[in-house]
């Protein structure tokens, strides 16, 4: 799993999850319980499988390029 996006914007997260689902890319939302408890402190993270990162970034880039997590080298 690799982070695609980190945000507190629930509308953006919902739209991106729908777009990824339409493209048959499985997406997982991390930290939602913490984000609900500590509003404004903990953002939600959208995670995808490593092999889905490139197409997921392409889709996310068309929706919210300024919100994308920077690419990190795989170790």
PDB file of N, CA and C in Angstrom:
ATOM      1  N   UNK A   1       0.843  -1.175   0.000  1.00  0.00           N
ATOM      2  CA  UNK A   1       0.000   0.000   0.000  1.00  0.00           C
ATOM      3  C   UNK A   1       0.888   1.237   0.000  1.00  0.00           C
ATOM      4  N   UNK A   2       0.415   2.224  -0.736  1.00  0.00           N
ATOM      5  CA  UNK A   2       1.158   3.474  -0.825  1.00  0.00           C
ATOM      6  C   UNK A   2       0.164   4.639  -0.782  1.00  0.00           C
ATOM      7  N   UNK A   3       0.579   5.716  -0.157  1.00  0.00           N
ATOM      8  CA  UNK A   3      -0.299   6.876  -0.007  1.00  0.00           C
ATOM      9  C   UNK A   3      -0.470   7.602  -1.332  1.00  0.00           C
ATOM     10  N   UNK A   4      -1.713   7.855  -1.659  1.00  0.00           N
ATOM     11  CA  UNK A   4      -2.044   8.627  -2.848  1.00  0.00           C
ATOM     12  C   UNK A   4      -2.336  10.075  -2.476  1.00  0.00           C
ATOM     13  N   UNK A   5      -3.090  10.265  -1.396  1.00  0.00           N
ATOM     14  CA  UNK A   5      -3.564  11.602  -1.055  1.00  0.00           C
ATOM     15  C   UNK A   5      -3.792  11.690   0.446  1.00  0.00           C
ATOM     16  N   UNK A   6      -3.588  12.876   0.982  1.00  0.00           N
ATOM     17  CA  UNK A   6      -3.855  13.155   2.399  1.00  0.00           C
ATOM     18  C   UNK A   6      -4.650  14.452   2.444  1.00  0.00           C
ATOM     19  N   UNK A   7      -5.859  14.392   3.028  1.00  0.00           N
ATOM     20  CA  UNK A   7      -6.705  15.579   3.022  1.00  0.00           C
ATOM     21  C   UNK A   7      -7.756  15.510   4.131  1.00  0.00           C
ATOM     22  N   UNK A   8      -8.242  16.677   4.511  1.00  0.00           N
ATOM     23  CA  UNK A   8      -9.371  16.785   5.433  1.00  0.00           C
ATOM     24  C   UNK A   8     -10.657  17.097   4.678  1.00  0.00           C
ATOM     25  N   UNK A   9     -10.563  17.272   3.372  1.00  0.00           N
ATOM     26  CA  UNK A   9     -11.702  17.645   2.539  1.00  0.00           C
ATOM     27  C   UNK A   9     -12.522  16.397   2.195  1.00  0.00           C
ATOM     28  N   UNK A  10     -13.659  16.215   2.885  1.00  0.00           N
ATOM     29  CA  UNK A  10     -14.473  15.021   2.704  1.00  0.00           C
ATOM     30  C   UNK A  10     -15.107  14.941   1.314  1.00  0.00           C
ATOM     31  N   UNK A  11     -15.424  16.082   0.740  1.00  0.00           N
ATOM     32  CA  UNK A  11     -15.999  16.090  -0.610  1.00  0.00           C
ATOM     33  C   UNK A  11     -14.964  15.611  -1.620  1.00  0.00           C
ATOM     34  N   UNK A  12     -13.756  16.102  -1.507  1.00  0.00           N
ATOM     35  CA  UNK A  12     -12.675  15.682  -2.385  1.00  0.00           C
ATOM     36  C   UNK A  12     -12.396  14.187  -2.235  1.00  0.00           C
ATOM     37  N   UNK A  13     -12.322  13.710  -1.011  1.00  0.00           N
ATOM     38  CA  UNK A  13     -12.064  12.292  -0.770  1.00  0.00           C
ATOM     39  C   UNK A  13     -13.165  11.437  -1.374  1.00  0.00           C
ATOM     40  N   UNK A  14     -14.398  11.835  -1.194  1.00  0.00           N
ATOM     41  CA  UNK A  14     -15.524  11.089  -1.751  1.00  0.00           C
ATOM     42  C   UNK A  14     -15.478  11.063  -3.277  1.00  0.00           C
ATOM     43  N   UNK A  15     -15.200  12.201  -3.887  1.00  0.00           N
ATOM     44  CA  UNK A  15     -15.136  12.275  -5.352  1.00  0.00           C
ATOM     45  C   UNK A  15     -13.997  11.419  -5.895  1.00  0.00           C
ATOM     46  N   UNK A  16     -12.868  11.466  -5.225  1.00  0.00           N
ATOM     47  CA  UNK A  16     -11.720  10.687  -5.684  1.00  0.00           C
ATOM     48  C   UNK A  16     -11.964   9.192  -5.501  1.00  0.00           C
ATOM     49  N   UNK A  17     -12.566   8.807  -4.391  1.00  0.00           N
ATOM     50  CA  UNK A  17     -12.890   7.393  -4.182  1.00  0.00           C
ATOM     51  C   UNK A  17     -13.856   6.895  -5.262  1.00  0.00           C
ATOM     52  N   UNK A  18     -14.820   7.709  -5.637  1.00  0.00           N
ATOM     53  CA  UNK A  18     -15.770   7.327  -6.686  1.00  0.00           C
ATOM     54  C   UNK A  18     -15.066   7.197  -8.034  1.00  0.00           C
ATOM     55  N   UNK A  19     -14.202   8.142  -8.362  1.00  0.00           N
ATOM     56  CA  UNK A  19     -13.481   8.093  -9.641  1.00  0.00           C
ATOM     57  C   UNK A  19     -12.560   6.877  -9.711  1.00  0.00           C
ATOM     58  N   UNK A  20     -11.884   6.568  -8.621  1.00  0.00           N
ATOM     59  CA  UNK A  20     -10.999   5.407  -8.601  1.00  0.00           C
ATOM     60  C   UNK A  20     -11.806   4.114  -8.684  1.00  0.00           C
ATOM     61  N   UNK A  21     -12.923   4.086  -8.017  1.00  0.00           N
ATOM     62  CA  UNK A  21     -13.793   2.914  -8.089  1.00  0.00           C
ATOM     63  C   UNK A  21     -14.303   2.696  -9.512  1.00  0.00           C
ATOM     64  N   UNK A  22     -14.666   3.776 -10.190  1.00  0.00           N
ATOM     65  CA  UNK A  22     -15.109   3.677 -11.593  1.00  0.00           C
ATOM     66  C   UNK A  22     -14.010   3.103 -12.479  1.00  0.00           C
ATOM     67  N   UNK A  23     -12.761   3.379 -12.140  1.00  0.00           N
ATOM     68  CA  UNK A  23     -11.618   2.873 -12.909  1.00  0.00           C
ATOM     69  C   UNK A  23     -11.172   1.493 -12.416  1.00  0.00           C
ATOM     70  N   UNK A  24     -11.949   0.930 -11.494  1.00  0.00           N
ATOM     71  CA  UNK A  24     -11.668  -0.393 -10.928  1.00  0.00           C
ATOM     72  C   UNK A  24     -10.333  -0.445 -10.191  1.00  0.00           C
ATOM     73  N   UNK A  25     -10.018   0.667  -9.506  1.00  0.00           N
ATOM     74  CA  UNK A  25      -8.838   0.732  -8.655  1.00  0.00           C
ATOM     75  C   UNK A  25      -9.330   0.708  -7.213  1.00  0.00           C
ATOM     76  N   UNK A  26      -8.859  -0.274  -6.463  1.00  0.00           N
ATOM     77  CA  UNK A  26      -9.269  -0.396  -5.068  1.00  0.00           C
ATOM     78  C   UNK A  26      -8.538   0.640  -4.238  1.00  0.00           C
ATOM     79  N   UNK A  27      -9.294   1.387  -3.461  1.00  0.00           N
ATOM     80  CA  UNK A  27      -8.735   2.456  -2.636  1.00  0.00           C
ATOM     81  C   UNK A  27      -9.167   2.227  -1.193  1.00  0.00           C
ATOM     82  N   UNK A  28      -8.262   2.511  -0.267  1.00  0.00           N
ATOM     83  CA  UNK A  28      -8.525   2.337   1.145  1.00  0.00           C
ATOM     84  C   UNK A  28      -8.363   3.677   1.845  1.00  0.00           C
ATOM     85  N   UNK A  29      -9.289   3.979   2.734  1.00  0.00           N
ATOM     86  CA  UNK A  29      -9.227   5.224   3.500  1.00  0.00           C
ATOM     87  C   UNK A  29      -8.662   4.911   4.879  1.00  0.00           C
ATOM     88  N   UNK A  30      -7.541   5.521   5.210  1.00  0.00           N
ATOM     89  CA  UNK A  30      -6.899   5.336   6.501  1.00  0.00           C
ATOM     90  C   UNK A  30      -7.158   6.562   7.371  1.00  0.00           C
ATOM     91  N   UNK A  31      -7.128   6.368   8.660  1.00  0.00           N
ATOM     92  CA  UNK A  31      -7.189   7.436   9.671  1.00  0.00           C
ATOM     93  C   UNK A  31      -8.548   8.112   9.789  1.00  0.00           C
ATOM     94  N   UNK A  32      -9.605   7.505   9.258  1.00  0.00           N
ATOM     95  CA  UNK A  32     -10.911   8.166   9.342  1.00  0.00           C
ATOM     96  C   UNK A  32     -11.415   8.267  10.776  1.00  0.00           C
ATOM     97  N   UNK A  33     -11.159   7.255  11.598  1.00  0.00           N
ATOM     98  CA  UNK A  33     -11.597   7.324  13.001  1.00  0.00           C
ATOM     99  C   UNK A  33     -10.871   8.444  13.738  1.00  0.00           C
ATOM    100  N   UNK A  34      -9.562   8.567  13.504  1.00  0.00           N
ATOM    101  CA  UNK A  34      -8.800   9.642  14.131  1.00  0.00           C
ATOM    102  C   UNK A  34      -9.263  10.996  13.610  1.00  0.00           C
ATOM    103  N   UNK A  35      -9.513  11.074  12.318  1.00  0.00           N
ATOM    104  CA  UNK A  35      -9.942  12.343  11.721  1.00  0.00           C
ATOM    105  C   UNK A  35     -11.304  12.772  12.253  1.00  0.00           C
ATOM    106  N   UNK A  36     -12.185  11.800  12.503  1.00  0.00           N
ATOM    107  CA  UNK A  36     -13.497  12.128  13.067  1.00  0.00           C
ATOM    108  C   UNK A  36     -13.380  12.578  14.522  1.00  0.00           C
ATOM    109  N   UNK A  37     -12.421  12.015  15.237  1.00  0.00           N
ATOM    110  CA  UNK A  37     -12.227  12.348  16.649  1.00  0.00           C
ATOM    111  C   UNK A  37     -11.488  13.673  16.812  1.00  0.00           C
ATOM    112  N   UNK A  38     -10.439  13.860  16.024  1.00  0.00           N
ATOM    113  CA  UNK A  38      -9.595  15.057  16.129  1.00  0.00           C
ATOM    114  C   UNK A  38      -9.731  15.894  14.864  1.00  0.00           C
ATOM    115  N   UNK A  39     -10.876  16.502  14.710  1.00  0.00           N
ATOM    116  CA  UNK A  39     -11.186  17.288  13.518  1.00  0.00           C
ATOM    117  C   UNK A  39     -10.190  18.440  13.391  1.00  0.00           C
ATOM    118  N   UNK A  40      -9.620  18.570  12.203  1.00  0.00           N
ATOM    119  CA  UNK A  40      -8.675  19.639  11.936  1.00  0.00           C
ATOM    120  C   UNK A  40      -7.248  19.326  12.334  1.00  0.00           C
ATOM    121  N   UNK A  41      -7.027  18.171  12.952  1.00  0.00           N
ATOM    122  CA  UNK A  41      -5.688  17.802  13.387  1.00  0.00           C
ATOM    123  C   UNK A  41      -5.138  16.643  12.556  1.00  0.00           C
ATOM    124  N   UNK A  42      -5.986  15.662  12.287  1.00  0.00           N
ATOM    125  CA  UNK A  42      -5.550  14.459  11.581  1.00  0.00           C
ATOM    126  C   UNK A  42      -6.266  14.340  10.235  1.00  0.00           C
ATOM    127  N   UNK A  43      -5.538  14.447   9.144  1.00  0.00           N
ATOM    128  CA  UNK A  43      -6.179  14.265   7.830  1.00  0.00           C
ATOM    129  C   UNK A  43      -6.406  12.781   7.533  1.00  0.00           C
ATOM    130  N   UNK A  44      -7.299  12.522   6.625  1.00  0.00           N
ATOM    131  CA  UNK A  44      -7.529  11.162   6.146  1.00  0.00           C
ATOM    132  C   UNK A  44      -6.519  10.880   5.041  1.00  0.00           C
ATOM    133  N   UNK A  45      -6.125   9.619   4.912  1.00  0.00           N
ATOM    134  CA  UNK A  45      -5.210   9.228   3.845  1.00  0.00           C
ATOM    135  C   UNK A  45      -5.902   8.235   2.937  1.00  0.00           C
ATOM    136  N   UNK A  46      -5.739   8.422   1.641  1.00  0.00           N
ATOM    137  CA  UNK A  46      -6.209   7.443   0.661  1.00  0.00           C
ATOM    138  C   UNK A  46      -5.006   6.642   0.199  1.00  0.00           C
ATOM    139  N   UNK A  47      -5.135   5.342   0.291  1.00  0.00           N
ATOM    140  CA  UNK A  47      -4.047   4.429  -0.042  1.00  0.00           C
ATOM    141  C   UNK A  47      -4.482   3.528  -1.191  1.00  0.00           C
ATOM    142  N   UNK A  48      -3.531   3.190  -2.049  1.00  0.00           N
ATOM    143  CA  UNK A  48      -3.778   2.266  -3.157  1.00  0.00           C
ATOM    144  C   UNK A  48      -2.663   1.230  -3.174  1.00  0.00           C
ATOM    145  N   UNK A  49      -2.893   0.142  -3.879  1.00  0.00           N
ATOM    146  CA  UNK A  49      -1.855  -0.867  -4.047  1.00  0.00           C
ATOM    147  C   UNK A  49      -0.719  -0.268  -4.866  1.00  0.00           C
ATOM    148  N   UNK A  50       0.493  -0.726  -4.595  1.00  0.00           N
ATOM    149  CA  UNK A  50       1.665  -0.192  -5.295  1.00  0.00           C
ATOM    150  C   UNK A  50       1.502  -0.237  -6.807  1.00  0.00           C
ATOM    151  N   UNK A  51       0.957  -1.325  -7.327  1.00  0.00           N
ATOM    152  CA  UNK A  51       0.833  -1.467  -8.781  1.00  0.00           C
ATOM    153  C   UNK A  51      -0.242  -0.557  -9.378  1.00  0.00           C
ATOM    154  N   UNK A  52      -1.114   0.007  -8.523  1.00  0.00           N
ATOM    155  CA  UNK A  52      -2.164   0.913  -9.010  1.00  0.00           C
ATOM    156  C   UNK A  52      -1.782   2.382  -8.872  1.00  0.00           C
ATOM    157  N   UNK A  53      -0.595   2.655  -8.369  1.00  0.00           N
ATOM    158  CA  UNK A  53      -0.222   4.039  -8.085  1.00  0.00           C
ATOM    159  C   UNK A  53      -0.223   4.928  -9.326  1.00  0.00           C
ATOM    160  N   UNK A  54       0.372   4.481 -10.412  1.00  0.00           N
ATOM    161  CA  UNK A  54       0.461   5.330 -11.610  1.00  0.00           C
ATOM    162  C   UNK A  54      -0.914   5.687 -12.162  1.00  0.00           C
ATOM    163  N   UNK A  55      -1.808   4.718 -12.411  1.00  0.00           N
ATOM    164  CA  UNK A  55      -3.131   5.124 -12.901  1.00  0.00           C
ATOM    165  C   UNK A  55      -3.927   5.922 -11.869  1.00  0.00           C
ATOM    166  N   UNK A  56      -3.744   5.619 -10.586  1.00  0.00           N
ATOM    167  CA  UNK A  56      -4.460   6.369  -9.550  1.00  0.00           C
ATOM    168  C   UNK A  56      -3.984   7.814  -9.506  1.00  0.00           C
ATOM    169  N   UNK A  57      -2.677   8.044  -9.644  1.00  0.00           N
ATOM    170  CA  UNK A  57      -2.153   9.406  -9.671  1.00  0.00           C
ATOM    171  C   UNK A  57      -2.641  10.177 -10.895  1.00  0.00           C
ATOM    172  N   UNK A  58      -2.779   9.469 -12.009  1.00  0.00           N
ATOM    173  CA  UNK A  58      -3.284  10.114 -13.219  1.00  0.00           C
ATOM    174  C   UNK A  58      -4.718  10.606 -12.987  1.00  0.00           C
ATOM    175  N   UNK A  59      -5.537   9.762 -12.387  1.00  0.00           N
ATOM    176  CA  UNK A  59      -6.929  10.136 -12.107  1.00  0.00           C
ATOM    177  C   UNK A  59      -6.979  11.265 -11.080  1.00  0.00           C
ATOM    178  N   UNK A  60      -6.228  11.118  -9.991  1.00  0.00           N
ATOM    179  CA  UNK A  60      -6.216  12.152  -8.952  1.00  0.00           C
ATOM    180  C   UNK A  60      -5.671  13.472  -9.498  1.00  0.00           C
ATOM    181  N   UNK A  61      -4.694  13.389 -10.382  1.00  0.00           N
ATOM    182  CA  UNK A  61      -4.130  14.594 -10.973  1.00  0.00           C
ATOM    183  C   UNK A  61      -5.125  15.373 -11.802  1.00  0.00           C
ATOM    184  N   UNK A  62      -6.077  14.668 -12.384  1.00  0.00           N
ATOM    185  CA  UNK A  62      -7.101  15.357 -13.159  1.00  0.00           C
ATOM    186  C   UNK A  62      -8.171  15.984 -12.267  1.00  0.00           C
ATOM    187  N   UNK A  63      -8.286  15.501 -11.038  1.00  0.00           N
ATOM    188  CA  UNK A  63      -9.296  16.009 -10.112  1.00  0.00           C
ATOM    189  C   UNK A  63      -8.704  17.045  -9.154  1.00  0.00           C
ATOM    190  N   UNK A  64      -7.530  16.742  -8.611  1.00  0.00           N
ATOM    191  CA  UNK A  64      -6.960  17.610  -7.570  1.00  0.00           C
ATOM    192  C   UNK A  64      -5.436  17.552  -7.574  1.00  0.00           C
ATOM    193  N   UNK A  65      -4.778  18.092  -8.586  1.00  0.00           N
ATOM    194  CA  UNK A  65      -3.320  17.981  -8.672  1.00  0.00           C
ATOM    195  C   UNK A  65      -2.579  18.590  -7.479  1.00  0.00           C
ATOM    196  N   UNK A  66      -3.140  19.625  -6.883  1.00  0.00           N
ATOM    197  CA  UNK A  66      -2.462  20.292  -5.766  1.00  0.00           C
ATOM    198  C   UNK A  66      -2.507  19.476  -4.471  1.00  0.00           C
ATOM    199  N   UNK A  67      -3.336  18.457  -4.422  1.00  0.00           N
ATOM    200  CA  UNK A  67      -3.494  17.669  -3.201  1.00  0.00           C
ATOM    201  C   UNK A  67      -2.685  16.373  -3.192  1.00  0.00           C
ATOM    202  N   UNK A  68      -2.053  16.015  -4.309  1.00  0.00           N
ATOM    203  CA  UNK A  68      -1.357  14.740  -4.395  1.00  0.00           C
ATOM    204  C   UNK A  68      -0.164  14.674  -3.455  1.00  0.00           C
ATOM    205  N   UNK A  69       0.020  13.515  -2.853  1.00  0.00           N
ATOM    206  CA  UNK A  69       1.199  13.275  -2.018  1.00  0.00           C
ATOM    207  C   UNK A  69       2.418  13.202  -2.931  1.00  0.00           C
ATOM    208  N   UNK A  70       3.546  13.709  -2.485  1.00  0.00           N
ATOM    209  CA  UNK A  70       4.751  13.617  -3.320  1.00  0.00           C
ATOM    210  C   UNK A  70       5.172  12.159  -3.478  1.00  0.00           C
ATOM    211  N   UNK A  71       5.778  11.861  -4.613  1.00  0.00           N
ATOM    212  CA  UNK A  71       6.268  10.512  -4.828  1.00  0.00           C
ATOM    213  C   UNK A  71       7.465  10.261  -3.930  1.00  0.00           C
ATOM    214  N   UNK A  72       7.460   9.109  -3.304  1.00  0.00           N
ATOM    215  CA  UNK A  72       8.587   8.704  -2.458  1.00  0.00           C
ATOM    216  C   UNK A  72       9.183   7.434  -3.035  1.00  0.00           C
ATOM    217  N   UNK A  73      10.500   7.315  -2.995  1.00  0.00           N
ATOM    218  CA  UNK A  73      11.102   6.097  -3.529  1.00  0.00           C
ATOM    219  C   UNK A  73      10.672   4.886  -2.711  1.00  0.00           C
ATOM    220  N   UNK A  74      10.399   3.777  -3.407  1.00  0.00           N
ATOM    221  CA  UNK A  74      10.051   2.537  -2.723  1.00  0.00           C
ATOM    222  C   UNK A  74      11.318   1.918  -2.164  1.00  0.00           C
ATOM    223  N   UNK A  75      11.248   1.448  -0.911  1.00  0.00           N
ATOM    224  CA  UNK A  75      12.433   0.822  -0.331  1.00  0.00           C
ATOM    225  C   UNK A  75      12.229  -0.645  -0.123  1.00  0.00           C
TER     226      UNK A  75
END
